[in-house]
Amino acid sequence: MQPDAKITMSFDAAIIEKAKNYAELRGISLSRLTEVLLRRLLSGGYTSLEEFPVRDWVSLVSEDEAKYIKTPPSGSELRSEMRKSRKK
């Protein structure tokens, strides 16, 4: 299992705000949302972004990967969840 790595990325400020709201409404972090999308993109064998099915990742994030949590999980709970997802 690989340890988490931090990176710095730049996006349009309006996109970041919308993405944060989207993730928050689904009880996940923006980092987790980004990781899910990248994992899906990289494992799909797509040769271009145009091939990436937007409908599929919206369903993935909103139904399969997202967990609706009323109270924020602790850091150790998030790390445990991340480790479990990487073992799959």
C-alpha atoms as a PDB file:
ATOM      1  CA  MET A   1       0.000   0.000   0.000  1.00  0.00           C
ATOM      2  CA  GLN A   2       1.335   3.409  -0.999  1.00  0.00           C
ATOM      3  CA  PRO A   3       1.284   6.263   1.534  1.00  0.00           C
ATOM      4  CA  ASP A   4      -0.728   9.374   0.731  1.00  0.00           C
ATOM      5  CA  ALA A   5       1.155  12.085  -1.121  1.00  0.00           C
ATOM      6  CA  LYS A   6       0.333  15.779  -1.188  1.00  0.00           C
ATOM      7  CA  ILE A   7       0.370  17.914  -4.314  1.00  0.00           C
ATOM      8  CA  THR A   8      -0.472  21.504  -5.142  1.00  0.00           C
ATOM      9  CA  MET A   9      -2.840  22.175  -8.028  1.00  0.00           C
ATOM     10  CA  SER A  10      -4.372  25.322  -9.483  1.00  0.00           C
ATOM     11  CA  PHE A  11      -7.947  25.608 -10.753  1.00  0.00           C
ATOM     12  CA  ASP A  12     -10.373  28.356 -11.619  1.00  0.00           C
ATOM     13  CA  ALA A  13     -11.658  29.703  -8.256  1.00  0.00           C
ATOM     14  CA  ALA A  14     -15.323  29.273  -9.260  1.00  0.00           C
ATOM     15  CA  ILE A  15     -14.719  25.608 -10.145  1.00  0.00           C
ATOM     16  CA  ILE A  16     -13.018  24.977  -6.817  1.00  0.00           C
ATOM     17  CA  GLU A  17     -15.941  26.501  -4.918  1.00  0.00           C
ATOM     18  CA  LYS A  18     -18.497  24.428  -6.847  1.00  0.00           C
ATOM     19  CA  ALA A  19     -16.436  21.265  -6.387  1.00  0.00           C
ATOM     20  CA  LYS A  20     -16.113  21.890  -2.633  1.00  0.00           C
ATOM     21  CA  ASN A  21     -19.863  22.348  -2.349  1.00  0.00           C
ATOM     22  CA  TYR A  22     -20.482  19.217  -4.424  1.00  0.00           C
ATOM     23  CA  ALA A  23     -18.153  17.144  -2.240  1.00  0.00           C
ATOM     24  CA  GLU A  24     -19.482  18.589   1.023  1.00  0.00           C
ATOM     25  CA  LEU A  25     -23.090  17.769   0.093  1.00  0.00           C
ATOM     26  CA  ARG A  26     -21.985  14.173  -0.426  1.00  0.00           C
ATOM     27  CA  GLY A  27     -19.977  13.889   2.780  1.00  0.00           C
ATOM     28  CA  ILE A  28     -16.578  13.516   1.126  1.00  0.00           C
ATOM     29  CA  SER A  29     -13.530  15.742   0.884  1.00  0.00           C
ATOM     30  CA  LEU A  30     -12.454  17.536  -2.257  1.00  0.00           C
ATOM     31  CA  SER A  31      -9.261  15.466  -2.140  1.00  0.00           C
ATOM     32  CA  ARG A  32     -11.278  12.244  -2.068  1.00  0.00           C
ATOM     33  CA  LEU A  33     -13.499  13.444  -4.928  1.00  0.00           C
ATOM     34  CA  THR A  34     -10.433  14.280  -7.012  1.00  0.00           C
ATOM     35  CA  GLU A  35      -8.819  10.927  -6.216  1.00  0.00           C
ATOM     36  CA  VAL A  36     -11.968   9.018  -7.185  1.00  0.00           C
ATOM     37  CA  LEU A  37     -12.166  10.846 -10.507  1.00  0.00           C
ATOM     38  CA  LEU A  38      -8.479  10.331 -11.266  1.00  0.00           C
ATOM     39  CA  ARG A  39      -8.616   6.665 -10.275  1.00  0.00           C
ATOM     40  CA  ARG A  40     -11.608   6.159 -12.550  1.00  0.00           C
ATOM     41  CA  LEU A  41     -10.011   8.045 -15.442  1.00  0.00           C
ATOM     42  CA  LEU A  42      -6.690   6.202 -15.158  1.00  0.00           C
ATOM     43  CA  SER A  43      -8.211   2.726 -14.815  1.00  0.00           C
ATOM     44  CA  GLY A  44     -10.607   3.118 -17.760  1.00  0.00           C
ATOM     45  CA  GLY A  45      -8.118   2.887 -20.610  1.00  0.00           C
ATOM     46  CA  TYR A  46      -9.194   6.234 -22.052  1.00  0.00           C
ATOM     47  CA  THR A  47      -6.898   7.787 -24.642  1.00  0.00           C
ATOM     48  CA  SER A  48      -8.404  11.260 -24.285  1.00  0.00           C
ATOM     49  CA  LEU A  49     -10.557  13.233 -21.865  1.00  0.00           C
ATOM     50  CA  GLU A  50     -13.317  13.332 -24.474  1.00  0.00           C
ATOM     51  CA  GLU A  51     -13.718   9.552 -24.083  1.00  0.00           C
ATOM     52  CA  PHE A  52     -14.239   9.841 -20.327  1.00  0.00           C
ATOM     53  CA  PRO A  53     -17.958   9.261 -19.675  1.00  0.00           C
ATOM     54  CA  VAL A  54     -19.107  12.117 -17.448  1.00  0.00           C
ATOM     55  CA  ARG A  55     -22.353  10.348 -16.587  1.00  0.00           C
ATOM     56  CA  ASP A  56     -20.427   7.354 -15.229  1.00  0.00           C
ATOM     57  CA  TRP A  57     -18.276   9.336 -12.822  1.00  0.00           C
ATOM     58  CA  VAL A  58     -21.222  11.366 -11.567  1.00  0.00           C
ATOM     59  CA  SER A  59     -22.974   8.093 -10.754  1.00  0.00           C
ATOM     60  CA  LEU A  60     -19.819   6.690  -9.213  1.00  0.00           C
ATOM     61  CA  VAL A  61     -19.300   9.650  -6.917  1.00  0.00           C
ATOM     62  CA  SER A  62     -22.929  10.194  -5.993  1.00  0.00           C
ATOM     63  CA  GLU A  63     -23.966   6.573  -5.470  1.00  0.00           C
ATOM     64  CA  ASP A  64     -21.075   4.147  -5.149  1.00  0.00           C
ATOM     65  CA  GLU A  65     -18.144   5.951  -3.567  1.00  0.00           C
ATOM     66  CA  ALA A  66     -19.894   8.649  -1.549  1.00  0.00           C
ATOM     67  CA  LYS A  67     -20.994   7.951   1.998  1.00  0.00           C
ATOM     68  CA  TYR A  68     -23.461  10.321   3.584  1.00  0.00           C
ATOM     69  CA  ILE A  69     -22.053  11.057   7.013  1.00  0.00           C
ATOM     70  CA  LYS A  70     -23.782  13.501   9.369  1.00  0.00           C
ATOM     71  CA  THR A  71     -20.717  14.140  11.513  1.00  0.00           C
ATOM     72  CA  PRO A  72     -17.263  14.512  10.006  1.00  0.00           C
ATOM     73  CA  PRO A  73     -15.137  11.387  10.449  1.00  0.00           C
ATOM     74  CA  SER A  74     -11.901  11.600  12.385  1.00  0.00           C
ATOM     75  CA  GLY A  75      -8.561  11.664  10.619  1.00  0.00           C
ATOM     76  CA  SER A  76      -7.870   8.069  11.613  1.00  0.00           C
ATOM     77  CA  GLU A  77     -11.252   6.962  10.238  1.00  0.00           C
ATOM     78  CA  LEU A  78     -10.508   8.676   6.933  1.00  0.00           C
ATOM     79  CA  ARG A  79      -7.076   7.050   6.710  1.00  0.00           C
ATOM     80  CA  SER A  80      -8.601   3.651   7.490  1.00  0.00           C
ATOM     81  CA  GLU A  81     -11.231   4.121   4.792  1.00  0.00           C
ATOM     82  CA  MET A  82      -8.546   5.177   2.303  1.00  0.00           C
ATOM     83  CA  ARG A  83      -6.457   2.090   3.097  1.00  0.00           C
ATOM     84  CA  LYS A  84      -9.483  -0.169   2.604  1.00  0.00           C
ATOM     85  CA  SER A  85     -10.301   1.431  -0.757  1.00  0.00           C
ATOM     86  CA  ARG A  86      -6.737   0.919  -1.981  1.00  0.00           C
ATOM     87  CA  LYS A  87      -6.841  -2.807  -1.185  1.00  0.00           C
ATOM     88  CA  LYS A  88      -9.733  -3.350  -3.611  1.00  0.00           C
END
